[in-house]
Amino acid sequence: MTTAASLGEFEVVVLLAVLHLGSRGEQAYGSTIRDEIAARAQRPFARGALYVTLDRLETKGLVASRLTGATPRRDNRPKRIFKVTPAGLRAVRQSVAVVANMQRGLEPLLDER
């Protein structure tokens, strides 16, 4: 079983982006995940880092992917759609809880106002 300790920050960010897209009924694939992270985290990252992370999350059993049909618009390449697995949801919940517990009591120091 994967524990929160085995998730890196970017892995958590990617899992959260896939969850956000799914919660809105949108497909989570490379470009939409990248856009979601860019909009919410406002931090730069290499496209390759996203795909390496998605592959690692799939190896850990935290996301699952499926291929859609190829289209001429995509140069006849299929689109790889991702979904967070139940184990992935548990892992991201644990990671978020750890950060929340560590933050508790530091609000005066962490508040930017």
C-alpha atoms as a PDB file:
ATOM      1  CA  MET A   1       0.000   0.000   0.000  1.00  0.00           C
ATOM      2  CA  THR A   2       1.277   3.462  -0.909  1.00  0.00           C
ATOM      3  CA  THR A   3       1.619   5.879   1.977  1.00  0.00           C
ATOM      4  CA  ALA A   4       1.581   9.659   2.017  1.00  0.00           C
ATOM      5  CA  ALA A   5       5.313   9.655   2.762  1.00  0.00           C
ATOM      6  CA  SER A   6       5.992   8.150  -0.643  1.00  0.00           C
ATOM      7  CA  LEU A   7       4.299  11.024  -2.508  1.00  0.00           C
ATOM      8  CA  GLY A   8       6.330  14.001  -3.614  1.00  0.00           C
ATOM      9  CA  GLU A   9       4.912  17.509  -3.818  1.00  0.00           C
ATOM     10  CA  PHE A  10       4.510  17.418  -7.592  1.00  0.00           C
ATOM     11  CA  GLU A  11       2.803  14.020  -7.398  1.00  0.00           C
ATOM     12  CA  VAL A  12       0.237  15.507  -5.005  1.00  0.00           C
ATOM     13  CA  VAL A  13      -0.229  18.528  -7.293  1.00  0.00           C
ATOM     14  CA  VAL A  14      -0.808  16.252 -10.307  1.00  0.00           C
ATOM     15  CA  LEU A  15      -3.289  14.072  -8.406  1.00  0.00           C
ATOM     16  CA  LEU A  16      -5.188  17.170  -7.268  1.00  0.00           C
ATOM     17  CA  ALA A  17      -5.295  18.519 -10.839  1.00  0.00           C
ATOM     18  CA  VAL A  18      -6.732  15.220 -12.129  1.00  0.00           C
ATOM     19  CA  LEU A  19      -9.326  15.307  -9.326  1.00  0.00           C
ATOM     20  CA  HIS A  20     -10.289  18.919 -10.148  1.00  0.00           C
ATOM     21  CA  LEU A  21     -10.798  18.073 -13.808  1.00  0.00           C
ATOM     22  CA  GLY A  22     -12.829  14.984 -12.990  1.00  0.00           C
ATOM     23  CA  SER A  23     -14.992  16.870 -10.500  1.00  0.00           C
ATOM     24  CA  ARG A  24     -16.010  19.229 -13.323  1.00  0.00           C
ATOM     25  CA  GLY A  25     -16.708  16.344 -15.707  1.00  0.00           C
ATOM     26  CA  GLU A  26     -13.717  17.222 -17.877  1.00  0.00           C
ATOM     27  CA  GLN A  27     -11.263  14.732 -19.321  1.00  0.00           C
ATOM     28  CA  ALA A  28      -7.880  14.704 -17.609  1.00  0.00           C
ATOM     29  CA  TYR A  29      -5.161  14.311 -20.230  1.00  0.00           C
ATOM     30  CA  GLY A  30      -1.729  15.871 -20.600  1.00  0.00           C
ATOM     31  CA  SER A  31      -2.755  19.308 -21.852  1.00  0.00           C
ATOM     32  CA  THR A  32      -5.712  19.775 -19.516  1.00  0.00           C
ATOM     33  CA  ILE A  33      -3.703  18.596 -16.508  1.00  0.00           C
ATOM     34  CA  ARG A  34      -0.878  20.974 -17.452  1.00  0.00           C
ATOM     35  CA  ASP A  35      -3.337  23.869 -17.826  1.00  0.00           C
ATOM     36  CA  GLU A  36      -4.998  23.079 -14.487  1.00  0.00           C
ATOM     37  CA  ILE A  37      -1.666  23.089 -12.668  1.00  0.00           C
ATOM     38  CA  ALA A  38      -0.539  26.280 -14.409  1.00  0.00           C
ATOM     39  CA  ALA A  39      -3.772  28.061 -13.465  1.00  0.00           C
ATOM     40  CA  ARG A  40      -3.923  26.900  -9.857  1.00  0.00           C
ATOM     41  CA  ALA A  41      -0.286  26.491  -8.805  1.00  0.00           C
ATOM     42  CA  GLN A  42       1.127  29.230 -11.030  1.00  0.00           C
ATOM     43  CA  ARG A  43       4.475  27.513 -11.203  1.00  0.00           C
ATOM     44  CA  PRO A  44       6.526  26.518 -14.213  1.00  0.00           C
ATOM     45  CA  PHE A  45       7.372  22.899 -14.927  1.00  0.00           C
ATOM     46  CA  ALA A  46       8.589  20.915 -17.886  1.00  0.00           C
ATOM     47  CA  ARG A  47       6.034  19.009 -19.949  1.00  0.00           C
ATOM     48  CA  GLY A  48       8.224  15.922 -19.614  1.00  0.00           C
ATOM     49  CA  ALA A  49       8.052  16.167 -15.814  1.00  0.00           C
ATOM     50  CA  LEU A  50       4.270  15.847 -16.021  1.00  0.00           C
ATOM     51  CA  TYR A  51       4.380  12.690 -18.130  1.00  0.00           C
ATOM     52  CA  VAL A  52       7.120  11.101 -16.016  1.00  0.00           C
ATOM     53  CA  THR A  53       5.026  11.831 -12.914  1.00  0.00           C
ATOM     54  CA  LEU A  54       1.843  10.439 -14.477  1.00  0.00           C
ATOM     55  CA  ASP A  55       3.701   7.251 -15.437  1.00  0.00           C
ATOM     56  CA  ARG A  56       5.102   6.936 -11.901  1.00  0.00           C
ATOM     57  CA  LEU A  57       1.641   7.477 -10.372  1.00  0.00           C
ATOM     58  CA  GLU A  58       0.224   4.802 -12.664  1.00  0.00           C
ATOM     59  CA  THR A  59       3.006   2.381 -11.681  1.00  0.00           C
ATOM     60  CA  LYS A  60       2.135   3.040  -8.021  1.00  0.00           C
ATOM     61  CA  GLY A  61      -1.539   2.320  -8.785  1.00  0.00           C
ATOM     62  CA  LEU A  62      -2.639   5.860  -7.905  1.00  0.00           C
ATOM     63  CA  VAL A  63      -3.957   6.756 -11.357  1.00  0.00           C
ATOM     64  CA  ALA A  64      -5.269   4.650 -14.211  1.00  0.00           C
ATOM     65  CA  SER A  65      -5.211   5.616 -17.865  1.00  0.00           C
ATOM     66  CA  ARG A  66      -7.007   4.618 -21.018  1.00  0.00           C
ATOM     67  CA  LEU A  67      -6.500   5.570 -24.648  1.00  0.00           C
ATOM     68  CA  THR A  68      -9.213   7.225 -26.709  1.00  0.00           C
ATOM     69  CA  GLY A  69      -9.566   6.870 -30.439  1.00  0.00           C
ATOM     70  CA  ALA A  70      -7.081   8.655 -32.670  1.00  0.00           C
ATOM     71  CA  THR A  71      -8.338  11.682 -34.583  1.00  0.00           C
ATOM     72  CA  PRO A  72      -6.987  13.615 -37.572  1.00  0.00           C
ATOM     73  CA  ARG A  73      -6.877  16.728 -35.363  1.00  0.00           C
ATOM     74  CA  ARG A  74      -4.282  14.929 -33.205  1.00  0.00           C
ATOM     75  CA  ASP A  75      -2.296  13.616 -36.190  1.00  0.00           C
ATOM     76  CA  ASN A  76      -4.053  10.252 -35.723  1.00  0.00           C
ATOM     77  CA  ARG A  77      -2.615   9.802 -32.232  1.00  0.00           C
ATOM     78  CA  PRO A  78      -4.815   8.599 -29.370  1.00  0.00           C
ATOM     79  CA  LYS A  79      -5.382  10.709 -26.281  1.00  0.00           C
ATOM     80  CA  ARG A  80      -4.407   9.209 -22.899  1.00  0.00           C
ATOM     81  CA  ILE A  81      -7.082   9.966 -20.298  1.00  0.00           C
ATOM     82  CA  PHE A  82      -6.247   9.695 -16.573  1.00  0.00           C
ATOM     83  CA  LYS A  83      -8.414   8.980 -13.552  1.00  0.00           C
ATOM     84  CA  VAL A  84      -7.442   8.871  -9.870  1.00  0.00           C
ATOM     85  CA  THR A  85      -7.899   5.394  -8.407  1.00  0.00           C
ATOM     86  CA  PRO A  86      -9.342   4.729  -4.929  1.00  0.00           C
ATOM     87  CA  ALA A  87      -5.759   4.169  -3.703  1.00  0.00           C
ATOM     88  CA  GLY A  88      -4.767   7.506  -5.249  1.00  0.00           C
ATOM     89  CA  LEU A  89      -7.616   9.272  -3.484  1.00  0.00           C
ATOM     90  CA  ARG A  90      -6.544   7.747  -0.153  1.00  0.00           C
ATOM     91  CA  ALA A  91      -2.923   8.758  -0.754  1.00  0.00           C
ATOM     92  CA  VAL A  92      -3.753  12.351  -1.656  1.00  0.00           C
ATOM     93  CA  ARG A  93      -6.077  12.637   1.365  1.00  0.00           C
ATOM     94  CA  GLN A  94      -3.237  11.433   3.608  1.00  0.00           C
ATOM     95  CA  SER A  95      -0.757  13.873   2.067  1.00  0.00           C
ATOM     96  CA  VAL A  96      -3.123  16.826   2.416  1.00  0.00           C
ATOM     97  CA  ALA A  97      -3.879  15.840   6.028  1.00  0.00           C
ATOM     98  CA  VAL A  98      -0.169  15.680   6.878  1.00  0.00           C
ATOM     99  CA  VAL A  99       0.389  19.190   5.510  1.00  0.00           C
ATOM    100  CA  ALA A 100      -2.702  20.509   7.327  1.00  0.00           C
ATOM    101  CA  ASN A 101      -1.505  18.964  10.606  1.00  0.00           C
ATOM    102  CA  MET A 102       1.967  20.442  10.186  1.00  0.00           C
ATOM    103  CA  GLN A 103       0.492  23.864   9.363  1.00  0.00           C
ATOM    104  CA  ARG A 104      -1.810  23.917  12.382  1.00  0.00           C
ATOM    105  CA  GLY A 105      -0.636  26.535  14.861  1.00  0.00           C
ATOM    106  CA  LEU A 106       1.568  28.345  12.350  1.00  0.00           C
ATOM    107  CA  GLU A 107      -1.184  30.420  10.764  1.00  0.00           C
ATOM    108  CA  PRO A 108       0.198  33.731  12.181  1.00  0.00           C
ATOM    109  CA  LEU A 109       3.582  33.006  10.596  1.00  0.00           C
ATOM    110  CA  LEU A 110       2.204  31.732   7.299  1.00  0.00           C
ATOM    111  CA  ASP A 111      -0.479  34.394   6.767  1.00  0.00           C
ATOM    112  CA  GLU A 112       0.750  36.737   4.022  1.00  0.00           C
ATOM    113  CA  ARG A 113      -1.375  39.711   5.036  1.00  0.00           C
END
